PDB file of N, CA and C in Angstrom:
ATOM      1  N   UNK A   1      85.778  82.499 -57.504  1.00  0.00           N
ATOM      2  CA  UNK A   1      85.155  83.788 -57.723  1.00  0.00           C
ATOM      3  C   UNK A   1      85.579  84.741 -56.616  1.00  0.00           C
ATOM      4  N   UNK A   2      86.047  85.901 -56.963  1.00  0.00           N
ATOM      5  CA  UNK A   2      86.494  86.892 -56.007  1.00  0.00           C
ATOM      6  C   UNK A   2      85.368  87.873 -55.721  1.00  0.00           C
ATOM      7  N   UNK A   3      85.205  88.214 -54.456  1.00  0.00           N
ATOM      8  CA  UNK A   3      84.166  89.151 -54.066  1.00  0.00           C
ATOM      9  C   UNK A   3      84.808  90.480 -53.711  1.00  0.00           C
ATOM     10  N   UNK A   4      84.361  91.544 -54.322  1.00  0.00           N
ATOM     11  CA  UNK A   4      84.844  92.876 -54.017  1.00  0.00           C
ATOM     12  C   UNK A   4      83.791  93.589 -53.187  1.00  0.00           C
ATOM     13  N   UNK A   5      84.171  94.058 -52.010  1.00  0.00           N
ATOM     14  CA  UNK A   5      83.220  94.778 -51.172  1.00  0.00           C
ATOM     15  C   UNK A   5      83.086  96.204 -51.679  1.00  0.00           C
ATOM     16  N   UNK A   6      81.893  96.552 -52.087  1.00  0.00           N
ATOM     17  CA  UNK A   6      81.613  97.880 -52.598  1.00  0.00           C
ATOM     18  C   UNK A   6      80.936  98.758 -51.559  1.00  0.00           C
ATOM     19  N   UNK A   7      80.274  98.132 -50.586  1.00  0.00           N
ATOM     20  CA  UNK A   7      79.482  98.853 -49.600  1.00  0.00           C
ATOM     21  C   UNK A   7      79.877  98.421 -48.203  1.00  0.00           C
ATOM     22  N   UNK A   8      79.772  99.328 -47.253  1.00  0.00           N
ATOM     23  CA  UNK A   8      80.021  99.015 -45.849  1.00  0.00           C
ATOM     24  C   UNK A   8      78.910  98.075 -45.380  1.00  0.00           C
ATOM     25  N   UNK A   9      79.277  96.974 -44.720  1.00  0.00           N
ATOM     26  CA  UNK A   9      78.272  96.002 -44.293  1.00  0.00           C
ATOM     27  C   UNK A   9      77.538  96.421 -43.025  1.00  0.00           C
ATOM     28  N   UNK A  10      77.912  97.539 -42.435  1.00  0.00           N
ATOM     29  CA  UNK A  10      77.214  98.017 -41.232  1.00  0.00           C
ATOM     30  C   UNK A  10      76.290  99.189 -41.523  1.00  0.00           C
ATOM     31  N   UNK A  11      76.766 100.185 -42.286  1.00  0.00           N
ATOM     32  CA  UNK A  11      75.937 101.380 -42.516  1.00  0.00           C
ATOM     33  C   UNK A  11      75.402 101.488 -43.946  1.00  0.00           C
ATOM     34  N   UNK A  12      75.946 100.709 -44.889  1.00  0.00           N
ATOM     35  CA  UNK A  12      75.458 100.732 -46.258  1.00  0.00           C
ATOM     36  C   UNK A  12      76.045 101.823 -47.128  1.00  0.00           C
ATOM     37  N   UNK A  13      76.963 102.605 -46.600  1.00  0.00           N
ATOM     38  CA  UNK A  13      77.616 103.661 -47.378  1.00  0.00           C
ATOM     39  C   UNK A  13      78.774 103.066 -48.181  1.00  0.00           C
ATOM     40  N   UNK A  14      79.333 103.791 -49.161  1.00  0.00           N
ATOM     41  CA  UNK A  14      80.455 103.252 -49.941  1.00  0.00           C
ATOM     42  C   UNK A  14      81.622 102.814 -49.043  1.00  0.00           C
ATOM     43  N   UNK A  15      82.176 101.660 -49.340  1.00  0.00           N
ATOM     44  CA  UNK A  15      83.258 101.094 -48.521  1.00  0.00           C
ATOM     45  C   UNK A  15      84.566 101.851 -48.674  1.00  0.00           C
ATOM     46  N   UNK A  16      84.693 102.656 -49.723  1.00  0.00           N
ATOM     47  CA  UNK A  16      85.930 103.396 -49.948  1.00  0.00           C
ATOM     48  C   UNK A  16      86.131 104.523 -48.932  1.00  0.00           C
ATOM     49  N   UNK A  17      85.061 104.999 -48.312  1.00  0.00           N
ATOM     50  CA  UNK A  17      85.154 106.068 -47.308  1.00  0.00           C
ATOM     51  C   UNK A  17      85.601 105.492 -45.971  1.00  0.00           C
ATOM     52  N   UNK A  18      86.163 106.337 -45.112  1.00  0.00           N
ATOM     53  CA  UNK A  18      86.601 105.910 -43.780  1.00  0.00           C
ATOM     54  C   UNK A  18      85.387 105.704 -42.877  1.00  0.00           C
ATOM     55  N   UNK A  19      85.376 104.601 -42.164  1.00  0.00           N
ATOM     56  CA  UNK A  19      84.275 104.257 -41.265  1.00  0.00           C
ATOM     57  C   UNK A  19      84.845 103.793 -39.923  1.00  0.00           C
ATOM     58  N   UNK A  20      85.420 104.682 -39.124  1.00  0.00           N
ATOM     59  CA  UNK A  20      86.005 104.227 -37.852  1.00  0.00           C
ATOM     60  C   UNK A  20      84.964 103.654 -36.895  1.00  0.00           C
ATOM     61  N   UNK A  21      83.775 104.230 -36.855  1.00  0.00           N
ATOM     62  CA  UNK A  21      82.713 103.712 -35.991  1.00  0.00           C
ATOM     63  C   UNK A  21      82.249 102.339 -36.436  1.00  0.00           C
ATOM     64  N   UNK A  22      82.155 102.141 -37.738  1.00  0.00           N
ATOM     65  CA  UNK A  22      81.740 100.840 -38.272  1.00  0.00           C
ATOM     66  C   UNK A  22      82.806  99.784 -38.010  1.00  0.00           C
ATOM     67  N   UNK A  23      84.064 100.148 -38.162  1.00  0.00           N
ATOM     68  CA  UNK A  23      85.146  99.186 -37.917  1.00  0.00           C
ATOM     69  C   UNK A  23      85.133  98.726 -36.469  1.00  0.00           C
ATOM     70  N   UNK A  24      84.883  99.633 -35.538  1.00  0.00           N
ATOM     71  CA  UNK A  24      84.830  99.270 -34.123  1.00  0.00           C
ATOM     72  C   UNK A  24      83.604  98.410 -33.819  1.00  0.00           C
ATOM     73  N   UNK A  25      82.461  98.749 -34.376  1.00  0.00           N
ATOM     74  CA  UNK A  25      81.230  98.007 -34.114  1.00  0.00           C
ATOM     75  C   UNK A  25      81.243  96.628 -34.771  1.00  0.00           C
ATOM     76  N   UNK A  26      81.967  96.488 -35.879  1.00  0.00           N
ATOM     77  CA  UNK A  26      82.022  95.226 -36.607  1.00  0.00           C
ATOM     78  C   UNK A  26      82.622  94.108 -35.747  1.00  0.00           C
ATOM     79  N   UNK A  27      83.410  94.475 -34.751  1.00  0.00           N
ATOM     80  CA  UNK A  27      84.005  93.491 -33.848  1.00  0.00           C
ATOM     81  C   UNK A  27      82.933  92.797 -33.007  1.00  0.00           C
ATOM     82  N   UNK A  28      81.823  93.503 -32.732  1.00  0.00           N
ATOM     83  CA  UNK A  28      80.789  92.987 -31.837  1.00  0.00           C
ATOM     84  C   UNK A  28      79.463  92.669 -32.513  1.00  0.00           C
ATOM     85  N   UNK A  29      79.199  93.263 -33.671  1.00  0.00           N
ATOM     86  CA  UNK A  29      77.895  93.139 -34.315  1.00  0.00           C
ATOM     87  C   UNK A  29      77.979  92.409 -35.648  1.00  0.00           C
ATOM     88  N   UNK A  30      76.916  91.719 -36.034  1.00  0.00           N
ATOM     89  CA  UNK A  30      76.880  91.108 -37.369  1.00  0.00           C
ATOM     90  C   UNK A  30      76.656  92.175 -38.435  1.00  0.00           C
ATOM     91  N   UNK A  31      76.923  91.851 -39.697  1.00  0.00           N
ATOM     92  CA  UNK A  31      76.663  92.825 -40.766  1.00  0.00           C
ATOM     93  C   UNK A  31      75.163  93.061 -40.923  1.00  0.00           C
ATOM     94  N   UNK A  32      74.797  94.252 -41.345  1.00  0.00           N
ATOM     95  CA  UNK A  32      73.382  94.603 -41.546  1.00  0.00           C
ATOM     96  C   UNK A  32      73.046  94.827 -43.012  1.00  0.00           C
ATOM     97  N   UNK A  33      74.041  95.165 -43.828  1.00  0.00           N
ATOM     98  CA  UNK A  33      73.840  95.403 -45.255  1.00  0.00           C
ATOM     99  C   UNK A  33      74.722  94.454 -46.056  1.00  0.00           C
ATOM    100  N   UNK A  34      74.248  94.019 -47.213  1.00  0.00           N
ATOM    101  CA  UNK A  34      75.042  93.170 -48.092  1.00  0.00           C
ATOM    102  C   UNK A  34      76.180  94.006 -48.675  1.00  0.00           C
ATOM    103  N   UNK A  35      77.433  93.568 -48.530  1.00  0.00           N
ATOM    104  CA  UNK A  35      78.557  94.344 -49.057  1.00  0.00           C
ATOM    105  C   UNK A  35      78.626  94.353 -50.586  1.00  0.00           C
ATOM    106  N   UNK A  36      77.858  93.487 -51.251  1.00  0.00           N
ATOM    107  CA  UNK A  36      77.887  93.419 -52.715  1.00  0.00           C
ATOM    108  C   UNK A  36      76.801  94.253 -53.373  1.00  0.00           C
ATOM    109  N   UNK A  37      75.606  94.322 -52.744  1.00  0.00           N
ATOM    110  CA  UNK A  37      74.492  95.004 -53.421  1.00  0.00           C
ATOM    111  C   UNK A  37      73.817  96.079 -52.566  1.00  0.00           C
ATOM    112  N   UNK A  38      74.245  96.241 -51.329  1.00  0.00           N
ATOM    113  CA  UNK A  38      73.743  97.279 -50.428  1.00  0.00           C
ATOM    114  C   UNK A  38      72.330  97.027 -49.912  1.00  0.00           C
ATOM    115  N   UNK A  39      71.797  95.846 -50.142  1.00  0.00           N
ATOM    116  CA  UNK A  39      70.464  95.524 -49.622  1.00  0.00           C
ATOM    117  C   UNK A  39      70.545  95.270 -48.123  1.00  0.00           C
ATOM    118  N   UNK A  40      69.486  95.632 -47.425  1.00  0.00           N
ATOM    119  CA  UNK A  40      69.373  95.328 -45.999  1.00  0.00           C
ATOM    120  C   UNK A  40      69.177  93.821 -45.864  1.00  0.00           C
ATOM    121  N   UNK A  41      69.925  93.192 -44.968  1.00  0.00           N
ATOM    122  CA  UNK A  41      69.840  91.743 -44.812  1.00  0.00           C
ATOM    123  C   UNK A  41      69.000  91.367 -43.599  1.00  0.00           C
ATOM    124  N   UNK A  42      68.431  90.177 -43.659  1.00  0.00           N
ATOM    125  CA  UNK A  42      67.712  89.597 -42.528  1.00  0.00           C
ATOM    126  C   UNK A  42      68.773  88.959 -41.637  1.00  0.00           C
ATOM    127  N   UNK A  43      68.922  89.444 -40.396  1.00  0.00           N
ATOM    128  CA  UNK A  43      69.976  88.988 -39.496  1.00  0.00           C
ATOM    129  C   UNK A  43      69.364  88.274 -38.302  1.00  0.00           C
ATOM    130  N   UNK A  44      69.950  87.128 -37.977  1.00  0.00           N
ATOM    131  CA  UNK A  44      69.533  86.380 -36.790  1.00  0.00           C
ATOM    132  C   UNK A  44      70.760  86.163 -35.921  1.00  0.00           C
ATOM    133  N   UNK A  45      70.675  86.614 -34.671  1.00  0.00           N
ATOM    134  CA  UNK A  45      71.772  86.457 -33.717  1.00  0.00           C
ATOM    135  C   UNK A  45      71.444  85.295 -32.789  1.00  0.00           C
ATOM    136  N   UNK A  46      72.371  84.366 -32.698  1.00  0.00           N
ATOM    137  CA  UNK A  46      72.222  83.172 -31.865  1.00  0.00           C
ATOM    138  C   UNK A  46      73.306  83.165 -30.786  1.00  0.00           C
ATOM    139  N   UNK A  47      73.167  82.366 -29.739  1.00  0.00           N
ATOM    140  CA  UNK A  47      74.221  82.303 -28.715  1.00  0.00           C
ATOM    141  C   UNK A  47      75.569  81.833 -29.264  1.00  0.00           C
ATOM    142  N   UNK A  48      75.556  81.082 -30.359  1.00  0.00           N
ATOM    143  CA  UNK A  48      76.805  80.543 -30.905  1.00  0.00           C
ATOM    144  C   UNK A  48      77.302  81.304 -32.137  1.00  0.00           C
ATOM    145  N   UNK A  49      76.652  82.392 -32.519  1.00  0.00           N
ATOM    146  CA  UNK A  49      77.066  83.163 -33.687  1.00  0.00           C
ATOM    147  C   UNK A  49      75.908  83.914 -34.300  1.00  0.00           C
ATOM    148  N   UNK A  50      75.985  84.159 -35.609  1.00  0.00           N
ATOM    149  CA  UNK A  50      74.944  84.887 -36.301  1.00  0.00           C
ATOM    150  C   UNK A  50      74.822  84.373 -37.727  1.00  0.00           C
ATOM    151  N   UNK A  51      73.698  84.680 -38.368  1.00  0.00           N
ATOM    152  CA  UNK A  51      73.513  84.429 -39.794  1.00  0.00           C
ATOM    153  C   UNK A  51      72.830  85.650 -40.391  1.00  0.00           C
ATOM    154  N   UNK A  52      73.233  85.997 -41.600  1.00  0.00           N
ATOM    155  CA  UNK A  52      72.659  87.137 -42.308  1.00  0.00           C
ATOM    156  C   UNK A  52      72.282  86.677 -43.708  1.00  0.00           C
ATOM    157  N   UNK A  53      71.073  86.989 -44.138  1.00  0.00           N
ATOM    158  CA  UNK A  53      70.577  86.518 -45.423  1.00  0.00           C
ATOM    159  C   UNK A  53      70.283  87.689 -46.355  1.00  0.00           C
ATOM    160  N   UNK A  54      70.942  87.692 -47.510  1.00  0.00           N
ATOM    161  CA  UNK A  54      70.656  88.643 -48.584  1.00  0.00           C
ATOM    162  C   UNK A  54      69.816  87.895 -49.613  1.00  0.00           C
ATOM    163  N   UNK A  55      68.722  88.483 -50.062  1.00  0.00           N
ATOM    164  CA  UNK A  55      67.856  87.808 -51.017  1.00  0.00           C
ATOM    165  C   UNK A  55      68.562  87.596 -52.355  1.00  0.00           C
ATOM    166  N   UNK A  56      69.548  88.404 -52.663  1.00  0.00           N
ATOM    167  CA  UNK A  56      70.263  88.299 -53.934  1.00  0.00           C
ATOM    168  C   UNK A  56      71.502  87.398 -53.845  1.00  0.00           C
ATOM    169  N   UNK A  57      72.264  87.492 -52.743  1.00  0.00           N
ATOM    170  CA  UNK A  57      73.558  86.817 -52.652  1.00  0.00           C
ATOM    171  C   UNK A  57      73.632  85.681 -51.644  1.00  0.00           C
ATOM    172  N   UNK A  58      72.550  85.385 -50.975  1.00  0.00           N
ATOM    173  CA  UNK A  58      72.527  84.235 -50.076  1.00  0.00           C
ATOM    174  C   UNK A  58      72.938  84.547 -48.655  1.00  0.00           C
ATOM    175  N   UNK A  59      73.350  83.490 -47.948  1.00  0.00           N
ATOM    176  CA  UNK A  59      73.584  83.571 -46.503  1.00  0.00           C
ATOM    177  C   UNK A  59      75.067  83.702 -46.161  1.00  0.00           C
ATOM    178  N   UNK A  60      75.325  84.482 -45.115  1.00  0.00           N
ATOM    179  CA  UNK A  60      76.661  84.585 -44.523  1.00  0.00           C
ATOM    180  C   UNK A  60      76.513  84.179 -43.059  1.00  0.00           C
ATOM    181  N   UNK A  61      77.536  83.560 -42.510  1.00  0.00           N
ATOM    182  CA  UNK A  61      77.514  83.142 -41.105  1.00  0.00           C
ATOM    183  C   UNK A  61      78.772  83.602 -40.414  1.00  0.00           C
ATOM    184  N   UNK A  62      78.639  83.800 -39.117  1.00  0.00           N
ATOM    185  CA  UNK A  62      79.808  84.173 -38.333  1.00  0.00           C
ATOM    186  C   UNK A  62      79.665  83.753 -36.902  1.00  0.00           C
TER     187      UNK A  62
END
């Protein structure tokens, strides 16, 4: 199954627009919005990484 990102995972705006600030912050921060449905995710930052949970699409880890 292929996933198409429709939304920016940092600010929640359409991914087709330019997001230079989001691209820079993405290097250091976990995603805050689900890229598939634009819902705000529950994010937990740990010393060894992060996990983000979307109620619709499940968990992502990094």
